[in-house]
C-alpha cells in the first residue's frame, strides 16, 4: 500500500471516528435535554394523575359516607320521635296530668275504655351520683280510673306499652262492677320520666273529674 493510500485510509478512519463521536455527543445531548426531561415529566404527570385519582376516590367515598350518615340520622330522628312525642309537658303550677290525658285519651278510645278521672301523685326523684342542678330528673306517677271490659282494659295497657315506650306500669287493680258484671273498673298508675327545673318541692295533688 502506498503512502498516499495509507494517508487516505487514515483520514477516513479519523473522519469516521469523529462522526461517531459527534453522533454520540448529540445522542447524549438529546437524552439529557429531551428524553430524560420527557421521562421525568411523564413520571410527574403519572404521579399527579394517581394523586388526582386518589382524591377523586376519597371524595366519592366521603360523599357516599355522608349520604349514609344522613340516612342514619334520619332513622335515629324517626326512632327518637316516638320517645319525644310521648314525654309529659307541664302545664300551669307543674301539673302533668293534662299532658298525660292528651296522650292517653286516643289510646283509650281506640281500646273501648272510658277514663273517668286523672290524678297526679308526688314525683319521685331519680338517684343520681352527681347532682345536676338546676335540672331535676324524676319519675312522675299519673293515676287514672277507667271502665270497660276486661279485654278492653288489657288492650289499652298494651297500646300504652307500644305507643309510649318510656311509660312504666306501676300499679293496676281491676274490679267488676256490681251493676254490670261485664264492665270492669280499673285503677291504673303509670310513670313517666320527666326533666324539669330543680325548684322547691310543691304539692302536686289534684284530681280531674
N, C-alpha and C. Protein backbone atom coordinates (compact mmCIF):
# COMPACT_ATOMS: atom_id res chain seq x y z
N UNK A 1 0.88 -1.21 0.00
CA UNK A 1 0.00 0.00 0.00
C UNK A 1 0.89 1.23 0.00
N UNK A 2 0.53 2.18 -0.88
CA UNK A 2 1.34 3.39 -0.99
C UNK A 2 1.09 4.31 0.18
N UNK A 3 1.98 5.24 0.28
CA UNK A 3 1.84 6.20 1.39
C UNK A 3 0.60 7.03 1.23
N UNK A 4 0.25 7.36 -0.01
CA UNK A 4 -0.92 8.20 -0.23
C UNK A 4 -2.20 7.42 0.16
N UNK A 5 -2.23 6.16 -0.22
CA UNK A 5 -3.41 5.35 0.12
C UNK A 5 -3.54 5.18 1.62
N UNK A 6 -2.37 5.01 2.28
CA UNK A 6 -2.40 4.87 3.74
C UNK A 6 -2.90 6.13 4.41
N UNK A 7 -2.47 7.26 3.88
CA UNK A 7 -2.91 8.54 4.43
C UNK A 7 -4.41 8.73 4.22
N UNK A 8 -4.89 8.34 3.04
CA UNK A 8 -6.34 8.49 2.77
C UNK A 8 -7.15 7.59 3.71
N UNK A 9 -6.63 6.37 3.89
CA UNK A 9 -7.34 5.44 4.79
C UNK A 9 -7.35 5.97 6.21
N UNK A 10 -6.21 6.53 6.62
CA UNK A 10 -6.14 7.09 7.98
C UNK A 10 -7.09 8.25 8.14
N UNK A 11 -7.19 9.09 7.11
CA UNK A 11 -8.11 10.24 7.17
C UNK A 11 -9.55 9.79 7.25
N UNK A 12 -9.88 8.73 6.48
CA UNK A 12 -11.26 8.21 6.52
C UNK A 12 -11.60 7.67 7.91
N UNK A 13 -10.61 6.98 8.52
CA UNK A 13 -10.86 6.43 9.85
C UNK A 13 -11.05 7.54 10.88
N UNK A 14 -10.23 8.61 10.71
CA UNK A 14 -10.37 9.74 11.62
C UNK A 14 -11.75 10.39 11.48
N UNK A 15 -12.18 10.57 10.21
CA UNK A 15 -13.49 11.19 9.98
C UNK A 15 -14.61 10.31 10.55
N UNK A 16 -14.45 8.98 10.35
CA UNK A 16 -15.48 8.07 10.87
C UNK A 16 -15.54 8.12 12.40
N UNK A 17 -14.35 8.16 13.00
CA UNK A 17 -14.32 8.24 14.45
C UNK A 17 -14.91 9.55 14.95
N UNK A 18 -14.59 10.63 14.22
CA UNK A 18 -15.13 11.94 14.61
C UNK A 18 -16.65 11.96 14.48
N UNK A 19 -17.12 11.37 13.35
CA UNK A 19 -18.56 11.32 13.15
C UNK A 19 -19.24 10.50 14.25
N UNK A 20 -18.61 9.36 14.58
CA UNK A 20 -19.18 8.52 15.64
C UNK A 20 -19.21 9.26 16.96
N UNK A 21 -18.11 9.98 17.25
CA UNK A 21 -18.05 10.76 18.48
C UNK A 21 -19.09 11.86 18.48
N UNK A 22 -19.24 12.51 17.30
CA UNK A 22 -20.24 13.58 17.20
C UNK A 22 -21.64 13.04 17.40
N UNK A 23 -21.91 11.87 16.78
CA UNK A 23 -23.24 11.27 16.93
C UNK A 23 -23.49 10.90 18.40
N UNK A 24 -22.42 10.37 19.06
CA UNK A 24 -22.58 10.03 20.48
C UNK A 24 -22.87 11.24 21.34
N UNK A 25 -22.12 12.34 21.03
CA UNK A 25 -22.34 13.58 21.79
C UNK A 25 -23.76 14.08 21.58
N UNK A 26 -24.21 14.05 20.30
CA UNK A 26 -25.57 14.50 20.00
C UNK A 26 -26.60 13.62 20.72
N UNK A 27 -26.33 12.30 20.76
CA UNK A 27 -27.25 11.39 21.42
C UNK A 27 -27.33 11.69 22.92
N UNK A 28 -26.13 11.94 23.51
CA UNK A 28 -26.12 12.27 24.94
C UNK A 28 -26.87 13.56 25.20
N UNK A 29 -26.62 14.57 24.32
CA UNK A 29 -27.32 15.86 24.49
C UNK A 29 -28.82 15.70 24.35
N UNK A 30 -29.22 14.91 23.31
CA UNK A 30 -30.66 14.68 23.11
C UNK A 30 -31.28 13.97 24.32
N UNK A 31 -30.55 12.99 24.87
CA UNK A 31 -31.06 12.27 26.03
C UNK A 31 -31.19 13.18 27.24
N UNK A 32 -30.12 13.99 27.47
CA UNK A 32 -30.11 14.86 28.64
C UNK A 32 -31.15 15.95 28.57
N UNK A 33 -31.33 16.53 27.37
CA UNK A 33 -32.21 17.70 27.25
C UNK A 33 -33.58 17.39 26.68
N UNK A 34 -33.77 16.19 26.15
CA UNK A 34 -35.06 15.87 25.55
C UNK A 34 -35.69 14.62 26.17
N UNK A 35 -34.96 13.50 26.08
CA UNK A 35 -35.53 12.23 26.52
C UNK A 35 -35.72 12.20 28.04
N UNK A 36 -34.65 12.53 28.78
CA UNK A 36 -34.74 12.47 30.24
C UNK A 36 -35.79 13.42 30.81
N UNK A 37 -35.82 14.72 30.36
CA UNK A 37 -36.89 15.61 30.84
C UNK A 37 -38.28 15.09 30.50
N UNK A 38 -38.41 14.49 29.31
CA UNK A 38 -39.71 13.96 28.92
C UNK A 38 -40.13 12.82 29.84
N UNK A 39 -39.16 11.94 30.16
CA UNK A 39 -39.47 10.85 31.07
C UNK A 39 -39.83 11.37 32.45
N UNK A 40 -39.07 12.38 32.91
CA UNK A 40 -39.36 12.98 34.22
C UNK A 40 -40.75 13.61 34.23
N UNK A 41 -41.06 14.34 33.14
CA UNK A 41 -42.38 14.98 33.04
C UNK A 41 -43.47 13.93 32.99
N UNK A 42 -43.22 12.84 32.26
CA UNK A 42 -44.21 11.78 32.17
C UNK A 42 -44.44 11.12 33.53
N UNK A 43 -43.34 10.86 34.26
CA UNK A 43 -43.48 10.27 35.58
C UNK A 43 -44.21 11.22 36.53
N UNK A 44 -43.90 12.51 36.42
CA UNK A 44 -44.57 13.50 37.26
C UNK A 44 -46.05 13.56 36.93
N UNK A 45 -46.35 13.53 35.61
CA UNK A 45 -47.74 13.57 35.20
C UNK A 45 -48.49 12.34 35.69
N UNK A 46 -47.84 11.17 35.61
CA UNK A 46 -48.46 9.95 36.09
C UNK A 46 -48.70 10.01 37.60
N UNK A 47 -47.70 10.57 38.35
CA UNK A 47 -47.86 10.71 39.79
C UNK A 47 -49.01 11.66 40.12
N UNK A 48 -49.11 12.77 39.38
CA UNK A 48 -50.20 13.72 39.61
C UNK A 48 -51.55 13.09 39.30
N UNK A 49 -51.58 12.30 38.22
CA UNK A 49 -52.83 11.63 37.86
C UNK A 49 -53.24 10.63 38.94
N UNK A 50 -52.26 9.88 39.44
CA UNK A 50 -52.55 8.94 40.52
C UNK A 50 -53.07 9.66 41.76
N UNK A 51 -52.44 10.81 42.07
CA UNK A 51 -52.89 11.59 43.21
C UNK A 51 -54.30 12.11 43.00
N UNK A 52 -54.59 12.57 41.78
CA UNK A 52 -55.94 13.07 41.49
C UNK A 52 -56.96 11.93 41.56
N UNK A 53 -56.57 10.76 41.06
CA UNK A 53 -57.49 9.61 41.15
C UNK A 53 -57.77 9.25 42.60
N UNK A 54 -56.72 9.29 43.44
CA UNK A 54 -56.92 9.00 44.86
C UNK A 54 -57.85 10.03 45.51
N UNK A 55 -57.65 11.32 45.16
CA UNK A 55 -58.51 12.36 45.71
C UNK A 55 -59.96 12.16 45.25
N UNK A 56 -60.12 11.81 43.98
CA UNK A 56 -61.48 11.59 43.48
C UNK A 56 -62.14 10.41 44.19
N UNK A 57 -61.38 9.34 44.37
CA UNK A 57 -61.93 8.17 45.06
C UNK A 57 -62.30 8.50 46.50
N UNK A 58 -61.44 9.31 47.16
CA UNK A 58 -61.77 9.72 48.53
C UNK A 58 -63.02 10.58 48.57
N UNK A 59 -63.15 11.47 47.59
CA UNK A 59 -64.34 12.31 47.53
C UNK A 59 -65.59 11.48 47.30
N UNK A 60 -65.49 10.47 46.43
CA UNK A 60 -66.64 9.60 46.18
C UNK A 60 -67.02 8.85 47.45
N UNK A 61 -65.99 8.33 48.17
CA UNK A 61 -66.27 7.63 49.42
C UNK A 61 -66.87 8.57 50.46
N UNK A 62 -66.32 9.79 50.55
CA UNK A 62 -66.84 10.76 51.53
C UNK A 62 -68.29 11.10 51.23
N UNK A 63 -68.59 11.30 49.94
CA UNK A 63 -69.97 11.63 49.57
C UNK A 63 -70.90 10.47 49.89
N UNK A 64 -70.42 9.26 49.63
CA UNK A 64 -71.23 8.08 49.93
C UNK A 64 -71.44 7.96 51.43
N UNK A 65 -70.34 8.16 52.19
CA UNK A 65 -70.46 8.08 53.65
C UNK A 65 -71.38 9.17 54.18
N UNK A 66 -71.29 10.37 53.58
CA UNK A 66 -72.17 11.46 54.01
C UNK A 66 -73.63 11.09 53.79
N UNK A 67 -73.91 10.46 52.65
CA UNK A 67 -75.27 10.02 52.40
C UNK A 67 -75.72 8.98 53.40
N UNK A 68 -74.81 8.04 53.75
CA UNK A 68 -75.15 7.01 54.74
C UNK A 68 -75.38 7.63 56.10
N UNK A 69 -74.54 8.61 56.47
CA UNK A 69 -74.71 9.29 57.76
C UNK A 69 -76.04 10.02 57.81
N UNK A 70 -76.38 10.67 56.71
CA UNK A 70 -77.65 11.39 56.66
C UNK A 70 -78.83 10.43 56.81
N UNK A 71 -78.74 9.28 56.15
CA UNK A 71 -79.81 8.29 56.27
C UNK A 71 -79.90 7.77 57.70
N UNK A 72 -78.73 7.53 58.33
CA UNK A 72 -78.74 7.05 59.72
C UNK A 72 -79.32 8.11 60.65
N UNK A 73 -78.98 9.37 60.41
CA UNK A 73 -79.52 10.44 61.25
C UNK A 73 -81.04 10.53 61.10
N UNK A 74 -81.52 10.36 59.87
CA UNK A 74 -82.97 10.39 59.65
C UNK A 74 -83.64 9.23 60.39
N UNK A 75 -83.01 8.05 60.34
CA UNK A 75 -83.58 6.89 61.04
C UNK A 75 -83.58 7.11 62.54
N UNK A 76 -82.47 7.65 63.07
CA UNK A 76 -82.40 7.92 64.51
C UNK A 76 -83.43 8.96 64.91
N UNK A 77 -83.58 9.99 64.08
CA UNK A 77 -84.56 11.03 64.37
C UNK A 77 -85.97 10.46 64.38
N UNK A 78 -86.26 9.57 63.42
CA UNK A 78 -87.58 8.96 63.36
C UNK A 78 -87.83 8.07 64.58
N UNK A 79 -86.80 7.33 65.00
CA UNK A 79 -86.95 6.48 66.18
C UNK A 79 -87.11 7.32 67.45
N UNK A 80 -86.34 8.39 67.56
CA UNK A 80 -86.42 9.21 68.77
C UNK A 80 -87.73 9.99 68.84
N UNK A 81 -88.38 10.21 67.68
CA UNK A 81 -89.64 10.96 67.68
C UNK A 81 -90.70 10.24 68.51
N UNK A 82 -90.67 8.90 68.47
CA UNK A 82 -91.63 8.13 69.26
C UNK A 82 -91.48 8.45 70.74
N UNK A 83 -90.23 8.59 71.19
CA UNK A 83 -89.97 8.89 72.59
C UNK A 83 -90.27 10.35 72.92
N UNK A 84 -89.88 11.25 72.02
CA UNK A 84 -90.10 12.67 72.28
C UNK A 84 -91.59 13.00 72.31
N UNK A 85 -92.36 12.37 71.41
CA UNK A 85 -93.80 12.64 71.38
C UNK A 85 -94.51 12.10 72.62
N UNK A 86 -93.86 11.13 73.33
CA UNK A 86 -94.51 10.54 74.49
C UNK A 86 -94.10 11.17 75.81
N UNK A 87 -93.34 12.28 75.77
CA UNK A 87 -92.93 12.94 77.00
C UNK A 87 -94.05 13.81 77.56
N UNK A 88 -94.10 13.90 78.87
CA UNK A 88 -95.07 14.78 79.51
C UNK A 88 -94.57 16.22 79.48
N UNK A 89 -95.49 17.14 79.25
CA UNK A 89 -95.17 18.56 79.26
C UNK A 89 -95.97 19.23 80.37
N UNK A 90 -95.31 19.97 81.24
CA UNK A 90 -96.02 20.57 82.38
C UNK A 90 -96.93 21.71 81.93
N UNK A 91 -98.06 21.82 82.60
CA UNK A 91 -98.93 22.97 82.40
C UNK A 91 -98.74 23.92 83.58
N UNK A 92 -99.72 24.73 83.91
CA UNK A 92 -99.58 25.69 85.00
C UNK A 92 -99.37 24.96 86.33
N UNK A 93 -98.54 25.53 87.17
CA UNK A 93 -98.25 25.01 88.51
C UNK A 93 -97.69 23.59 88.47
N UNK A 94 -96.96 23.26 87.42
CA UNK A 94 -96.28 21.97 87.30
C UNK A 94 -97.23 20.78 87.32
N UNK A 95 -98.42 20.95 86.77
CA UNK A 95 -99.33 19.82 86.63
C UNK A 95 -99.02 19.10 85.33
N UNK A 96 -98.89 17.76 85.43
CA UNK A 96 -98.56 16.95 84.26
C UNK A 96 -99.73 16.12 83.76
N UNK A 97 -100.77 15.96 84.56
CA UNK A 97 -101.86 15.09 84.16
C UNK A 97 -102.58 15.57 82.90
N UNK A 98 -102.70 16.88 82.62
CA UNK A 98 -103.33 17.27 81.36
C UNK A 98 -102.56 16.75 80.14
N UNK A 99 -101.23 16.76 80.23
CA UNK A 99 -100.43 16.21 79.13
C UNK A 99 -100.63 14.71 79.02
N UNK A 100 -100.71 14.02 80.17
CA UNK A 100 -100.97 12.59 80.15
C UNK A 100 -102.33 12.28 79.55
N UNK A 101 -103.32 13.09 79.88
CA UNK A 101 -104.67 12.89 79.32
C UNK A 101 -104.64 13.02 77.81
N UNK A 102 -103.91 14.00 77.33
CA UNK A 102 -103.83 14.21 75.88
C UNK A 102 -103.20 13.00 75.17
N UNK A 103 -102.24 12.36 75.81
CA UNK A 103 -101.58 11.20 75.21
C UNK A 103 -102.41 9.92 75.35
N UNK A 104 -103.11 9.78 76.48
CA UNK A 104 -103.79 8.53 76.77
C UNK A 104 -105.21 8.46 76.20
N UNK A 105 -105.88 9.58 76.07
CA UNK A 105 -107.28 9.57 75.63
C UNK A 105 -107.47 8.87 74.28
N UNK A 106 -106.65 9.17 73.27
CA UNK A 106 -106.84 8.47 71.98
C UNK A 106 -106.64 6.96 72.10
N UNK A 107 -105.69 6.53 72.93
CA UNK A 107 -105.45 5.10 73.10
C UNK A 107 -106.62 4.43 73.82
N UNK A 108 -107.19 5.14 74.78
CA UNK A 108 -108.36 4.61 75.49
C UNK A 108 -109.55 4.50 74.54
N UNK A 109 -109.76 5.53 73.71
CA UNK A 109 -110.88 5.49 72.77
C UNK A 109 -110.73 4.33 71.78
N UNK A 110 -109.50 4.11 71.30
CA UNK A 110 -109.27 3.02 70.35
C UNK A 110 -109.50 1.65 71.00
N UNK A 111 -109.30 1.58 72.32
CA UNK A 111 -109.45 0.30 73.03
C UNK A 111 -110.86 0.08 73.55
N UNK A 112 -111.72 1.08 73.49
CA UNK A 112 -113.06 0.96 74.05
C UNK A 112 -113.10 1.15 75.54
N UNK A 113 -112.12 1.90 76.08
CA UNK A 113 -112.04 2.17 77.51
C UNK A 113 -112.43 3.62 77.76
N UNK A 114 -113.16 3.84 78.86
CA UNK A 114 -113.53 5.20 79.25
C UNK A 114 -112.77 5.57 80.51
N UNK A 115 -111.94 6.62 80.42
CA UNK A 115 -111.20 7.10 81.57
C UNK A 115 -112.04 8.17 82.26
N UNK A 116 -112.42 7.91 83.51
CA UNK A 116 -113.35 8.79 84.19
C UNK A 116 -112.65 9.88 84.99
N UNK A 117 -111.39 9.66 85.39
CA UNK A 117 -110.67 10.73 86.08
C UNK A 117 -109.17 10.49 86.01
N UNK A 118 -108.44 11.58 86.20
CA UNK A 118 -106.97 11.56 86.23
C UNK A 118 -106.50 12.18 87.53
N UNK A 119 -105.41 11.71 88.06
CA UNK A 119 -104.81 12.30 89.24
C UNK A 119 -103.29 12.30 89.12
N UNK A 120 -102.66 13.21 89.82
CA UNK A 120 -101.20 13.32 89.78
C UNK A 120 -100.64 13.09 91.16
N UNK A 121 -99.73 12.11 91.27
CA UNK A 121 -99.12 11.79 92.54
C UNK A 121 -97.79 12.53 92.68
N UNK A 122 -97.21 12.44 93.87
CA UNK A 122 -95.92 13.11 94.12
C UNK A 122 -94.84 12.48 93.27
N UNK A 123 -94.03 13.32 92.65
CA UNK A 123 -92.98 12.78 91.78
C UNK A 123 -91.90 12.10 92.61
N UNK A 124 -91.12 11.28 91.94
CA UNK A 124 -90.07 10.50 92.59
C UNK A 124 -88.74 10.85 91.95
N UNK A 125 -87.88 11.47 92.70
CA UNK A 125 -86.60 11.89 92.16
C UNK A 125 -85.70 10.68 91.91
N UNK A 126 -85.04 10.68 90.80
CA UNK A 126 -84.11 9.61 90.46
C UNK A 126 -82.78 9.85 91.17
N UNK A 127 -82.23 8.83 91.81
CA UNK A 127 -80.93 9.00 92.47
C UNK A 127 -79.81 9.10 91.44
N UNK A 128 -79.13 10.23 91.42
CA UNK A 128 -78.02 10.44 90.51
C UNK A 128 -76.73 10.55 91.30
N UNK A 129 -75.63 10.00 90.78
CA UNK A 129 -74.36 10.08 91.52
C UNK A 129 -73.86 11.51 91.69
N UNK A 130 -74.18 12.37 90.72
CA UNK A 130 -73.76 13.77 90.79
C UNK A 130 -74.98 14.64 90.56
N UNK A 131 -75.32 15.54 91.48
CA UNK A 131 -76.46 16.43 91.27
C UNK A 131 -76.27 17.27 90.01
N UNK A 132 -77.36 17.40 89.26
CA UNK A 132 -77.29 18.14 88.00
C UNK A 132 -78.14 19.40 88.09
N UNK A 133 -77.89 20.19 89.11
CA UNK A 133 -78.62 21.46 89.24
C UNK A 133 -78.29 22.35 88.04
N UNK A 134 -79.26 23.10 87.53
CA UNK A 134 -80.63 23.28 88.04
C UNK A 134 -81.64 22.31 87.44
N UNK A 135 -81.18 21.21 86.80
CA UNK A 135 -82.11 20.26 86.23
C UNK A 135 -82.49 19.20 87.27
N UNK A 136 -83.74 18.78 87.19
CA UNK A 136 -84.25 17.78 88.12
C UNK A 136 -84.79 16.60 87.31
N UNK A 137 -84.28 15.41 87.60
CA UNK A 137 -84.72 14.21 86.91
C UNK A 137 -85.57 13.38 87.86
N UNK A 138 -86.80 13.13 87.47
CA UNK A 138 -87.74 12.41 88.33
C UNK A 138 -88.59 11.47 87.48
N UNK A 139 -89.39 10.67 88.18
CA UNK A 139 -90.45 9.90 87.54
C UNK A 139 -91.76 10.42 88.08
N UNK A 140 -92.67 10.74 87.16
CA UNK A 140 -93.93 11.34 87.53
C UNK A 140 -95.07 10.31 87.44
N UNK A 141 -95.66 9.90 88.58
CA UNK A 141 -96.79 8.96 88.53
C UNK A 141 -98.09 9.71 88.19
N UNK A 142 -98.84 9.11 87.29
CA UNK A 142 -100.16 9.61 86.93
C UNK A 142 -101.18 8.51 87.24
N UNK A 143 -102.18 8.86 88.06
CA UNK A 143 -103.21 7.90 88.43
C UNK A 143 -104.46 8.16 87.60
N UNK A 144 -105.10 7.06 87.19
CA UNK A 144 -106.36 7.21 86.44
C UNK A 144 -107.31 6.08 86.82
N UNK A 145 -108.59 6.36 86.69
CA UNK A 145 -109.63 5.35 86.87
C UNK A 145 -110.37 5.23 85.55
N UNK A 146 -110.50 4.00 85.08
CA UNK A 146 -111.18 3.81 83.81
C UNK A 146 -112.15 2.62 83.91
N UNK A 147 -113.08 2.57 82.98
CA UNK A 147 -114.06 1.49 82.94
C UNK A 147 -114.09 0.89 81.54
N UNK A 148 -114.45 -0.38 81.50
CA UNK A 148 -114.54 -1.09 80.23
C UNK A 148 -114.47 -2.58 80.48
N UNK A 149 -114.58 -3.35 79.44
CA UNK A 149 -114.46 -4.80 79.59
C UNK A 149 -113.02 -5.15 79.94
N UNK A 150 -112.85 -6.39 80.45
CA UNK A 150 -111.50 -6.82 80.82
C UNK A 150 -110.59 -6.80 79.60
N UNK A 151 -111.11 -7.29 78.46
CA UNK A 151 -110.31 -7.32 77.23
C UNK A 151 -109.95 -5.91 76.78
N UNK A 152 -110.88 -4.96 76.94
CA UNK A 152 -110.62 -3.58 76.52
C UNK A 152 -109.54 -2.95 77.40
N UNK A 153 -109.58 -3.23 78.70
CA UNK A 153 -108.58 -2.67 79.61
C UNK A 153 -107.20 -3.23 79.29
N UNK A 154 -107.12 -4.53 79.05
CA UNK A 154 -105.83 -5.14 78.68
C UNK A 154 -105.33 -4.56 77.37
N UNK A 155 -106.24 -4.40 76.41
CA UNK A 155 -105.86 -3.81 75.12
C UNK A 155 -105.33 -2.39 75.31
N UNK A 156 -105.94 -1.63 76.20
CA UNK A 156 -105.48 -0.27 76.46
C UNK A 156 -104.06 -0.27 77.02
N UNK A 157 -103.79 -1.14 77.97
CA UNK A 157 -102.45 -1.20 78.57
C UNK A 157 -101.41 -1.61 77.53
N UNK A 158 -101.76 -2.57 76.68
CA UNK A 158 -100.83 -3.00 75.63
C UNK A 158 -100.56 -1.86 74.63
N UNK A 159 -101.58 -1.09 74.33
CA UNK A 159 -101.39 0.06 73.43
C UNK A 159 -100.48 1.11 74.06
N UNK A 160 -100.64 1.32 75.36
CA UNK A 160 -99.77 2.27 76.06
C UNK A 160 -98.32 1.81 75.99
N UNK A 161 -98.09 0.52 76.22
CA UNK A 161 -96.71 0.00 76.19
C UNK A 161 -96.10 0.15 74.80
N UNK A 162 -96.91 -0.02 73.75
CA UNK A 162 -96.40 0.06 72.39
C UNK A 162 -96.19 1.50 71.93
N UNK A 163 -97.16 2.34 72.20
CA UNK A 163 -97.11 3.72 71.71
C UNK A 163 -96.27 4.64 72.58
N UNK A 164 -96.15 4.32 73.86
CA UNK A 164 -95.42 5.18 74.79
C UNK A 164 -94.34 4.34 75.48
N UNK A 165 -93.24 4.06 74.80
CA UNK A 165 -92.23 3.15 75.35
C UNK A 165 -91.55 3.65 76.61
N UNK A 166 -91.61 4.95 76.90
CA UNK A 166 -90.99 5.47 78.11
C UNK A 166 -91.86 5.28 79.35
N UNK A 167 -93.11 4.93 79.15
CA UNK A 167 -94.05 4.82 80.27
C UNK A 167 -93.93 3.44 80.92
N UNK A 168 -93.96 3.44 82.26
CA UNK A 168 -93.91 2.19 83.01
C UNK A 168 -95.21 2.02 83.80
N UNK A 169 -95.72 0.80 83.82
CA UNK A 169 -96.91 0.49 84.60
C UNK A 169 -96.49 0.24 86.04
N UNK A 170 -96.94 1.11 86.95
CA UNK A 170 -96.55 0.98 88.36
C UNK A 170 -97.56 0.15 89.14
N UNK A 171 -98.84 0.35 88.89
CA UNK A 171 -99.86 -0.38 89.66
C UNK A 171 -101.10 -0.57 88.80
N UNK A 172 -101.78 -1.68 89.04
CA UNK A 172 -103.01 -1.99 88.31
C UNK A 172 -103.90 -2.84 89.20
N UNK A 173 -105.16 -2.39 89.33
CA UNK A 173 -106.16 -3.19 90.03
C UNK A 173 -107.46 -3.14 89.23
N UNK A 174 -108.10 -4.30 89.09
CA UNK A 174 -109.33 -4.39 88.29
C UNK A 174 -110.41 -5.04 89.14
N UNK A 175 -111.57 -4.41 89.19
CA UNK A 175 -112.71 -4.95 89.93
C UNK A 175 -113.96 -4.87 89.05
N UNK A 176 -114.79 -5.91 89.06
CA UNK A 176 -116.04 -5.85 88.28
C UNK A 176 -117.06 -4.95 88.97
N UNK A 177 -117.90 -4.33 88.19
CA UNK A 177 -118.97 -3.51 88.74
C UNK A 177 -120.14 -4.42 89.12
N UNK A 178 -120.74 -4.12 90.26
CA UNK A 178 -121.84 -4.96 90.74
C UNK A 178 -123.04 -4.85 89.81
N UNK A 179 -123.32 -3.66 89.33
CA UNK A 179 -124.49 -3.47 88.48
C UNK A 179 -124.29 -4.10 87.10
N UNK A 180 -123.03 -4.07 86.59
CA UNK A 180 -122.73 -4.62 85.26
C UNK A 180 -121.50 -5.50 85.37
N UNK A 181 -121.66 -6.77 85.60
CA UNK A 181 -120.51 -7.67 85.81
C UNK A 181 -119.54 -7.71 84.63
N UNK A 182 -120.04 -7.43 83.44
CA UNK A 182 -119.16 -7.47 82.27
C UNK A 182 -118.28 -6.22 82.17
N UNK A 183 -118.61 -5.20 82.93
CA UNK A 183 -117.83 -3.96 82.91
C UNK A 183 -116.93 -3.92 84.14
N UNK A 184 -115.65 -3.67 83.90
CA UNK A 184 -114.67 -3.63 84.96
C UNK A 184 -114.29 -2.17 85.27
N UNK A 185 -113.90 -1.96 86.52
CA UNK A 185 -113.33 -0.68 86.91
C UNK A 185 -111.86 -0.91 87.24
N UNK A 186 -111.00 -0.17 86.54
CA UNK A 186 -109.56 -0.36 86.72
C UNK A 186 -108.93 0.90 87.28
N UNK A 187 -108.12 0.72 88.29
CA UNK A 187 -107.29 1.81 88.80
C UNK A 187 -105.85 1.57 88.33
N UNK A 188 -105.33 2.53 87.60
CA UNK A 188 -104.03 2.35 86.95
C UNK A 188 -103.12 3.51 87.36
N UNK A 189 -101.88 3.20 87.64
CA UNK A 189 -100.86 4.22 87.88
C UNK A 189 -99.73 4.00 86.86
N UNK A 190 -99.48 5.02 86.07
CA UNK A 190 -98.40 4.99 85.09
C UNK A 190 -97.34 6.01 85.47
N UNK A 191 -96.10 5.69 85.15
CA UNK A 191 -95.00 6.61 85.48
C UNK A 191 -94.30 7.06 84.20
N UNK A 192 -94.03 8.37 84.14
CA UNK A 192 -93.25 8.96 83.05
C UNK A 192 -91.93 9.50 83.60
N UNK A 193 -90.84 9.35 82.87
CA UNK A 193 -89.61 10.07 83.25
C UNK A 193 -89.74 11.52 82.79
N UNK A 194 -89.41 12.45 83.66
CA UNK A 194 -89.50 13.87 83.30
C UNK A 194 -88.23 14.58 83.71
N UNK A 195 -88.01 15.72 83.09
CA UNK A 195 -86.88 16.57 83.44
C UNK A 195 -87.40 17.99 83.55
N UNK A 196 -87.09 18.62 84.65
CA UNK A 196 -87.57 19.97 84.84
C UNK A 196 -86.60 20.78 85.67
N UNK A 197 -87.02 21.97 86.04
CA UNK A 197 -86.18 22.83 86.85
C UNK A 197 -86.14 22.32 88.29
N UNK A 198 -84.97 22.40 88.88
CA UNK A 198 -84.77 21.91 90.25
C UNK A 198 -85.23 23.00 91.22
N UNK A 199 -86.53 23.09 91.41
CA UNK A 199 -87.10 24.09 92.30
C UNK A 199 -87.52 23.42 93.60
N UNK A 200 -88.05 24.22 94.53
CA UNK A 200 -88.50 23.68 95.81
C UNK A 200 -89.68 22.74 95.59
N UNK A 201 -89.82 21.78 96.51
CA UNK A 201 -90.92 20.82 96.39
C UNK A 201 -92.25 21.55 96.46
N UNK A 202 -93.18 21.15 95.61
CA UNK A 202 -94.52 21.71 95.62
C UNK A 202 -95.52 20.57 95.63
N UNK A 203 -96.68 20.85 96.18
CA UNK A 203 -97.74 19.84 96.19
C UNK A 203 -98.21 19.61 94.78
N UNK A 204 -98.33 18.37 94.41
CA UNK A 204 -98.76 18.04 93.06
C UNK A 204 -100.00 17.17 93.09
N UNK A 205 -100.82 17.34 94.07
CA UNK A 205 -102.06 16.57 94.11
C UNK A 205 -103.06 17.13 93.14
N UNK A 206 -104.25 16.67 93.26
CA UNK A 206 -105.31 17.20 92.41
C UNK A 206 -105.88 16.12 91.52
N UNK A 207 -107.16 16.16 91.37
CA UNK A 207 -107.85 15.15 90.59
C UNK A 207 -108.76 15.85 89.61
N UNK A 208 -108.79 15.35 88.37
CA UNK A 208 -109.67 15.90 87.37
C UNK A 208 -110.81 14.94 87.15
N UNK A 209 -112.02 15.41 87.41
CA UNK A 209 -113.21 14.57 87.19
C UNK A 209 -113.59 14.62 85.72
